[in-house]
Amino acid sequence: MAVIANQADSKLKLVFNAGLDEENKDIMKNKTFANVKPAMTNENLYNLAVSMSNLQTYTLSKVVRYEEYQLSNEV
């Protein structure tokens, strides 16, 4: 039985370092953008994230891409 994976959704998450708390632990802030075009390359998506981070108050810590797939049986 073969399983088919159809891409359902793609999201971009920017993680920012917002400084330190009273215990000197990093404070991390997240911004997530849904409905990212699946055809967008990782390089282009990363460059977009860096460009968007320049408009933010905090320093960009990491860029994460989430991909969701719908699995179904081949009939």
PDB file of N, CA and C in Angstrom:
ATOM      1  N   MET A   1       0.851  -1.172   0.000  1.00  0.00           N
ATOM      2  CA  MET A   1       0.000   0.000   0.000  1.00  0.00           C
ATOM      3  C   MET A   1       0.899   1.239   0.000  1.00  0.00           C
ATOM      4  N   ALA A   2       0.745   2.077  -0.996  1.00  0.00           N
ATOM      5  CA  ALA A   2       1.529   3.300  -1.107  1.00  0.00           C
ATOM      6  C   ALA A   2       0.782   4.461  -0.468  1.00  0.00           C
ATOM      7  N   VAL A   3       1.535   5.333   0.156  1.00  0.00           N
ATOM      8  CA  VAL A   3       0.966   6.523   0.791  1.00  0.00           C
ATOM      9  C   VAL A   3       1.398   7.733  -0.018  1.00  0.00           C
ATOM     10  N   ILE A   4       0.429   8.597  -0.302  1.00  0.00           N
ATOM     11  CA  ILE A   4       0.686   9.822  -1.056  1.00  0.00           C
ATOM     12  C   ILE A   4       0.703  10.991  -0.078  1.00  0.00           C
ATOM     13  N   ALA A   5       1.716  11.850  -0.197  1.00  0.00           N
ATOM     14  CA  ALA A   5       1.832  13.037   0.652  1.00  0.00           C
ATOM     15  C   ALA A   5       1.556  14.271  -0.196  1.00  0.00           C
ATOM     16  N   ASN A   6       0.483  14.976   0.126  1.00  0.00           N
ATOM     17  CA  ASN A   6       0.123  16.222  -0.551  1.00  0.00           C
ATOM     18  C   ASN A   6       0.380  17.380   0.401  1.00  0.00           C
ATOM     19  N   GLN A   7       1.168  18.352  -0.077  1.00  0.00           N
ATOM     20  CA  GLN A   7       1.487  19.476   0.798  1.00  0.00           C
ATOM     21  C   GLN A   7       0.222  20.287   1.062  1.00  0.00           C
ATOM     22  N   ALA A   8      -0.057  20.506   2.352  1.00  0.00           N
ATOM     23  CA  ALA A   8      -1.276  21.191   2.745  1.00  0.00           C
ATOM     24  C   ALA A   8      -1.023  22.648   3.107  1.00  0.00           C
ATOM     25  N   ASP A   9       0.093  22.930   3.769  1.00  0.00           N
ATOM     26  CA  ASP A   9       0.322  24.278   4.263  1.00  0.00           C
ATOM     27  C   ASP A   9       1.806  24.477   4.517  1.00  0.00           C
ATOM     28  N   SER A  10       2.233  25.728   4.517  1.00  0.00           N
ATOM     29  CA  SER A  10       3.604  26.084   4.832  1.00  0.00           C
ATOM     30  C   SER A  10       3.567  27.360   5.665  1.00  0.00           C
ATOM     31  N   LYS A  11       4.405  27.416   6.707  1.00  0.00           N
ATOM     32  CA  LYS A  11       4.440  28.579   7.605  1.00  0.00           C
ATOM     33  C   LYS A  11       5.872  29.019   7.831  1.00  0.00           C
ATOM     34  N   LEU A  12       6.032  30.299   8.129  1.00  0.00           N
ATOM     35  CA  LEU A  12       7.326  30.879   8.448  1.00  0.00           C
ATOM     36  C   LEU A  12       7.273  31.400   9.875  1.00  0.00           C
ATOM     37  N   LYS A  13       8.269  31.023  10.675  1.00  0.00           N
ATOM     38  CA  LYS A  13       8.334  31.479  12.063  1.00  0.00           C
ATOM     39  C   LYS A  13       9.648  32.215  12.276  1.00  0.00           C
ATOM     40  N   LEU A  14       9.558  33.448  12.765  1.00  0.00           N
ATOM     41  CA  LEU A  14      10.730  34.224  13.120  1.00  0.00           C
ATOM     42  C   LEU A  14      10.845  34.223  14.636  1.00  0.00           C
ATOM     43  N   VAL A  15      12.025  33.912  15.145  1.00  0.00           N
ATOM     44  CA  VAL A  15      12.264  33.892  16.586  1.00  0.00           C
ATOM     45  C   VAL A  15      13.245  35.014  16.900  1.00  0.00           C
ATOM     46  N   PHE A  16      12.834  35.886  17.826  1.00  0.00           N
ATOM     47  CA  PHE A  16      13.627  37.052  18.190  1.00  0.00           C
ATOM     48  C   PHE A  16      14.128  36.953  19.623  1.00  0.00           C
ATOM     49  N   ASN A  17      15.326  37.488  19.861  1.00  0.00           N
ATOM     50  CA  ASN A  17      15.861  37.586  21.208  1.00  0.00           C
ATOM     51  C   ASN A  17      15.467  38.951  21.748  1.00  0.00           C
ATOM     52  N   ALA A  18      14.647  38.954  22.811  1.00  0.00           N
ATOM     53  CA  ALA A  18      14.126  40.206  23.368  1.00  0.00           C
ATOM     54  C   ALA A  18      14.865  40.622  24.633  1.00  0.00           C
ATOM     55  N   GLY A  19      16.048  40.070  24.857  1.00  0.00           N
ATOM     56  CA  GLY A  19      16.838  40.463  26.018  1.00  0.00           C
ATOM     57  C   GLY A  19      16.901  39.356  27.055  1.00  0.00           C
ATOM     58  N   LEU A  20      17.185  39.751  28.283  1.00  0.00           N
ATOM     59  CA  LEU A  20      17.341  38.815  29.391  1.00  0.00           C
ATOM     60  C   LEU A  20      16.321  39.103  30.480  1.00  0.00           C
ATOM     61  N   ASP A  21      15.890  38.029  31.163  1.00  0.00           N
ATOM     62  CA  ASP A  21      14.993  38.223  32.304  1.00  0.00           C
ATOM     63  C   ASP A  21      15.827  38.431  33.570  1.00  0.00           C
ATOM     64  N   GLU A  22      15.163  38.482  34.718  1.00  0.00           N
ATOM     65  CA  GLU A  22      15.869  38.736  35.978  1.00  0.00           C
ATOM     66  C   GLU A  22      16.812  37.607  36.381  1.00  0.00           C
ATOM     67  N   GLU A  23      16.673  36.429  35.766  1.00  0.00           N
ATOM     68  CA  GLU A  23      17.565  35.297  36.039  1.00  0.00           C
ATOM     69  C   GLU A  23      18.611  35.119  34.930  1.00  0.00           C
ATOM     70  N   ASN A  24      18.796  36.140  34.108  1.00  0.00           N
ATOM     71  CA  ASN A  24      19.744  36.139  32.989  1.00  0.00           C
ATOM     72  C   ASN A  24      19.464  35.049  31.953  1.00  0.00           C
ATOM     73  N   LYS A  25      18.199  34.681  31.776  1.00  0.00           N
ATOM     74  CA  LYS A  25      17.796  33.746  30.732  1.00  0.00           C
ATOM     75  C   LYS A  25      17.238  34.545  29.562  1.00  0.00           C
ATOM     76  N   ASP A  26      17.493  34.047  28.355  1.00  0.00           N
ATOM     77  CA  ASP A  26      17.010  34.744  27.160  1.00  0.00           C
ATOM     78  C   ASP A  26      15.494  34.793  27.126  1.00  0.00           C
ATOM     79  N   ILE A  27      14.967  35.941  26.730  1.00  0.00           N
ATOM     80  CA  ILE A  27      13.534  36.100  26.474  1.00  0.00           C
ATOM     81  C   ILE A  27      13.357  36.003  24.960  1.00  0.00           C
ATOM     82  N   MET A  28      12.591  35.007  24.523  1.00  0.00           N
ATOM     83  CA  MET A  28      12.396  34.792  23.094  1.00  0.00           C
ATOM     84  C   MET A  28      10.966  35.177  22.704  1.00  0.00           C
ATOM     85  N   LYS A  29      10.832  35.904  21.608  1.00  0.00           N
ATOM     86  CA  LYS A  29       9.537  36.298  21.058  1.00  0.00           C
ATOM     87  C   LYS A  29       9.408  35.678  19.674  1.00  0.00           C
ATOM     88  N   ASN A  30       8.192  35.237  19.334  1.00  0.00           N
ATOM     89  CA  ASN A  30       7.932  34.578  18.050  1.00  0.00           C
ATOM     90  C   ASN A  30       6.924  35.358  17.224  1.00  0.00           C
ATOM     91  N   LYS A  31       7.117  35.328  15.916  1.00  0.00           N
ATOM     92  CA  LYS A  31       6.123  35.824  14.963  1.00  0.00           C
ATOM     93  C   LYS A  31       5.986  34.747  13.895  1.00  0.00           C
ATOM     94  N   THR A  32       4.745  34.313  13.660  1.00  0.00           N
ATOM     95  CA  THR A  32       4.484  33.259  12.685  1.00  0.00           C
ATOM     96  C   THR A  32       3.627  33.812  11.560  1.00  0.00           C
ATOM     97  N   PHE A  33       4.007  33.477  10.337  1.00  0.00           N
ATOM     98  CA  PHE A  33       3.279  33.903   9.146  1.00  0.00           C
ATOM     99  C   PHE A  33       2.774  32.663   8.421  1.00  0.00           C
ATOM    100  N   ALA A  34       1.469  32.573   8.235  1.00  0.00           N
ATOM    101  CA  ALA A  34       0.842  31.427   7.574  1.00  0.00           C
ATOM    102  C   ALA A  34       0.727  31.690   6.077  1.00  0.00           C
ATOM    103  N   ASN A  35       0.310  30.668   5.363  1.00  0.00           N
ATOM    104  CA  ASN A  35       0.038  30.745   3.922  1.00  0.00           C
ATOM    105  C   ASN A  35       1.258  31.121   3.092  1.00  0.00           C
ATOM    106  N   VAL A  36       2.418  30.587   3.473  1.00  0.00           N
ATOM    107  CA  VAL A  36       3.625  30.782   2.681  1.00  0.00           C
ATOM    108  C   VAL A  36       3.522  29.881   1.455  1.00  0.00           C
ATOM    109  N   LYS A  37       3.846  30.407   0.297  1.00  0.00           N
ATOM    110  CA  LYS A  37       3.758  29.604  -0.923  1.00  0.00           C
ATOM    111  C   LYS A  37       4.747  28.440  -0.847  1.00  0.00           C
ATOM    112  N   PRO A  38       4.261  27.224  -1.034  1.00  0.00           N
ATOM    113  CA  PRO A  38       5.130  26.039  -0.938  1.00  0.00           C
ATOM    114  C   PRO A  38       6.268  26.050  -1.953  1.00  0.00           C
ATOM    115  N   ALA A  39       6.080  26.718  -3.081  1.00  0.00           N
ATOM    116  CA  ALA A  39       7.104  26.736  -4.122  1.00  0.00           C
ATOM    117  C   ALA A  39       8.267  27.664  -3.780  1.00  0.00           C
ATOM    118  N   MET A  40       8.137  28.462  -2.757  1.00  0.00           N
ATOM    119  CA  MET A  40       9.191  29.403  -2.385  1.00  0.00           C
ATOM    120  C   MET A  40      10.418  28.632  -1.881  1.00  0.00           C
ATOM    121  N   THR A  41      11.582  28.955  -2.402  1.00  0.00           N
ATOM    122  CA  THR A  41      12.792  28.244  -2.000  1.00  0.00           C
ATOM    123  C   THR A  41      13.196  28.644  -0.583  1.00  0.00           C
ATOM    124  N   ASN A  42      13.958  27.783   0.060  1.00  0.00           N
ATOM    125  CA  ASN A  42      14.420  28.082   1.417  1.00  0.00           C
ATOM    126  C   ASN A  42      15.303  29.327   1.445  1.00  0.00           C
ATOM    127  N   GLU A  43      16.123  29.504   0.430  1.00  0.00           N
ATOM    128  CA  GLU A  43      16.994  30.677   0.368  1.00  0.00           C
ATOM    129  C   GLU A  43      16.178  31.959   0.266  1.00  0.00           C
ATOM    130  N   ASN A  44      15.177  31.967  -0.610  1.00  0.00           N
ATOM    131  CA  ASN A  44      14.326  33.155  -0.750  1.00  0.00           C
ATOM    132  C   ASN A  44      13.536  33.423   0.519  1.00  0.00           C
ATOM    133  N   LEU A  45      13.057  32.381   1.152  1.00  0.00           N
ATOM    134  CA  LEU A  45      12.302  32.533   2.383  1.00  0.00           C
ATOM    135  C   LEU A  45      13.190  33.088   3.497  1.00  0.00           C
ATOM    136  N   TYR A  46      14.421  32.608   3.579  1.00  0.00           N
ATOM    137  CA  TYR A  46      15.363  33.110   4.577  1.00  0.00           C
ATOM    138  C   TYR A  46      15.679  34.587   4.334  1.00  0.00           C
ATOM    139  N   ASN A  47      15.926  34.947   3.077  1.00  0.00           N
ATOM    140  CA  ASN A  47      16.212  36.346   2.744  1.00  0.00           C
ATOM    141  C   ASN A  47      15.026  37.243   3.082  1.00  0.00           C
ATOM    142  N   LEU A  48      13.821  36.761   2.843  1.00  0.00           N
ATOM    143  CA  LEU A  48      12.621  37.506   3.213  1.00  0.00           C
ATOM    144  C   LEU A  48      12.554  37.702   4.723  1.00  0.00           C
ATOM    145  N   ALA A  49      12.850  36.635   5.471  1.00  0.00           N
ATOM    146  CA  ALA A  49      12.821  36.712   6.937  1.00  0.00           C
ATOM    147  C   ALA A  49      13.829  37.734   7.459  1.00  0.00           C
ATOM    148  N   VAL A  50      15.022  37.742   6.891  1.00  0.00           N
ATOM    149  CA  VAL A  50      16.049  38.700   7.315  1.00  0.00           C
ATOM    150  C   VAL A  50      15.591  40.125   6.998  1.00  0.00           C
ATOM    151  N   SER A  51      15.002  40.325   5.835  1.00  0.00           N
ATOM    152  CA  SER A  51      14.506  41.653   5.465  1.00  0.00           C
ATOM    153  C   SER A  51      13.400  42.113   6.406  1.00  0.00           C
ATOM    154  N   MET A  52      12.486  41.202   6.747  1.00  0.00           N
ATOM    155  CA  MET A  52      11.402  41.558   7.667  1.00  0.00           C
ATOM    156  C   MET A  52      11.938  41.819   9.069  1.00  0.00           C
ATOM    157  N   SER A  53      12.989  41.112   9.464  1.00  0.00           N
ATOM    158  CA  SER A  53      13.539  41.297  10.811  1.00  0.00           C
ATOM    159  C   SER A  53      14.149  42.686  10.981  1.00  0.00           C
ATOM    160  N   ASN A  54      14.590  43.290   9.874  1.00  0.00           N
ATOM    161  CA  ASN A  54      15.143  44.642   9.953  1.00  0.00           C
ATOM    162  C   ASN A  54      14.087  45.667  10.345  1.00  0.00           C
ATOM    163  N   LEU A  55      12.816  45.322  10.205  1.00  0.00           N
ATOM    164  CA  LEU A  55      11.724  46.222  10.573  1.00  0.00           C
ATOM    165  C   LEU A  55      11.271  46.005  12.017  1.00  0.00           C
ATOM    166  N   GLN A  56      11.862  45.034  12.710  1.00  0.00           N
ATOM    167  CA  GLN A  56      11.449  44.677  14.064  1.00  0.00           C
ATOM    168  C   GLN A  56      12.350  45.339  15.104  1.00  0.00           C
ATOM    169  N   THR A  57      11.860  45.381  16.329  1.00  0.00           N
ATOM    170  CA  THR A  57      12.609  45.969  17.437  1.00  0.00           C
ATOM    171  C   THR A  57      13.720  45.045  17.917  1.00  0.00           C
ATOM    172  N   TYR A  58      13.446  43.748  17.961  1.00  0.00           N
ATOM    173  CA  TYR A  58      14.378  42.783  18.544  1.00  0.00           C
ATOM    174  C   TYR A  58      15.274  42.148  17.491  1.00  0.00           C
ATOM    175  N   THR A  59      16.339  41.495  17.963  1.00  0.00           N
ATOM    176  CA  THR A  59      17.315  40.839  17.097  1.00  0.00           C
ATOM    177  C   THR A  59      16.821  39.453  16.680  1.00  0.00           C
ATOM    178  N   LEU A  60      16.936  39.152  15.391  1.00  0.00           N
ATOM    179  CA  LEU A  60      16.525  37.850  14.871  1.00  0.00           C
ATOM    180  C   LEU A  60      17.470  36.774  15.388  1.00  0.00           C
ATOM    181  N   SER A  61      16.899  35.732  15.981  1.00  0.00           N
ATOM    182  CA  SER A  61      17.683  34.634  16.538  1.00  0.00           C
ATOM    183  C   SER A  61      17.696  33.428  15.597  1.00  0.00           C
ATOM    184  N   LYS A  62      16.512  33.082  15.055  1.00  0.00           N
ATOM    185  CA  LYS A  62      16.452  31.976  14.101  1.00  0.00           C
ATOM    186  C   LYS A  62      15.219  32.084  13.224  1.00  0.00           C
ATOM    187  N   VAL A  63      15.293  31.367  12.099  1.00  0.00           N
ATOM    188  CA  VAL A  63      14.212  31.315  11.118  1.00  0.00           C
ATOM    189  C   VAL A  63      13.798  29.855  10.989  1.00  0.00           C
ATOM    190  N   VAL A  64      12.491  29.579  11.102  1.00  0.00           N
ATOM    191  CA  VAL A  64      11.979  28.212  11.031  1.00  0.00           C
ATOM    192  C   VAL A  64      10.903  28.144   9.950  1.00  0.00           C
ATOM    193  N   ARG A  65      10.966  27.086   9.144  1.00  0.00           N
ATOM    194  CA  ARG A  65       9.928  26.843   8.139  1.00  0.00           C
ATOM    195  C   ARG A  65       9.198  25.567   8.525  1.00  0.00           C
ATOM    196  N   TYR A  66       7.885  25.665   8.624  1.00  0.00           N
ATOM    197  CA  TYR A  66       7.043  24.509   8.924  1.00  0.00           C
ATOM    198  C   TYR A  66       6.315  24.083   7.661  1.00  0.00           C
ATOM    199  N   GLU A  67       6.335  22.800   7.378  1.00  0.00           N
ATOM    200  CA  GLU A  67       5.632  22.241   6.226  1.00  0.00           C
ATOM    201  C   GLU A  67       4.645  21.196   6.741  1.00  0.00           C
ATOM    202  N   GLU A  68       3.402  21.297   6.318  1.00  0.00           N
ATOM    203  CA  GLU A  68       2.387  20.312   6.680  1.00  0.00           C
ATOM    204  C   GLU A  68       1.976  19.543   5.438  1.00  0.00           C
ATOM    205  N   TYR A  69       1.819  18.232   5.619  1.00  0.00           N
ATOM    206  CA  TYR A  69       1.402  17.359   4.517  1.00  0.00           C
ATOM    207  C   TYR A  69       0.176  16.572   4.930  1.00  0.00           C
ATOM    208  N   GLN A  70      -0.693  16.365   3.970  1.00  0.00           N
ATOM    209  CA  GLN A  70      -1.852  15.502   4.175  1.00  0.00           C
ATOM    210  C   GLN A  70      -1.510  14.153   3.574  1.00  0.00           C
ATOM    211  N   LEU A  71      -1.584  13.097   4.392  1.00  0.00           N
ATOM    212  CA  LEU A  71      -1.258  11.757   3.920  1.00  0.00           C
ATOM    213  C   LEU A  71      -2.520  10.990   3.583  1.00  0.00           C
ATOM    214  N   SER A  72      -2.472  10.252   2.488  1.00  0.00           N
ATOM    215  CA  SER A  72      -3.610   9.435   2.090  1.00  0.00           C
ATOM    216  C   SER A  72      -3.136   8.167   1.403  1.00  0.00           C
ATOM    217  N   ASN A  73      -3.988   7.165   1.363  1.00  0.00           N
ATOM    218  CA  ASN A  73      -3.680   5.899   0.684  1.00  0.00           C
ATOM    219  C   ASN A  73      -3.843   6.077  -0.811  1.00  0.00           C
ATOM    220  N   GLU A  74      -2.955   5.427  -1.552  1.00  0.00           N
ATOM    221  CA  GLU A  74      -3.106   5.408  -2.997  1.00  0.00           C
ATOM    222  C   GLU A  74      -4.212   4.411  -3.330  1.00  0.00           C
ATOM    223  N   VAL A  75      -5.162   4.873  -4.113  1.00  0.00           N
ATOM    224  CA  VAL A  75      -6.301   4.007  -4.453  1.00  0.00           C
ATOM    225  C   VAL A  75      -6.171   3.516  -5.863  1.00  0.00           C
TER     226      VAL A  75
END
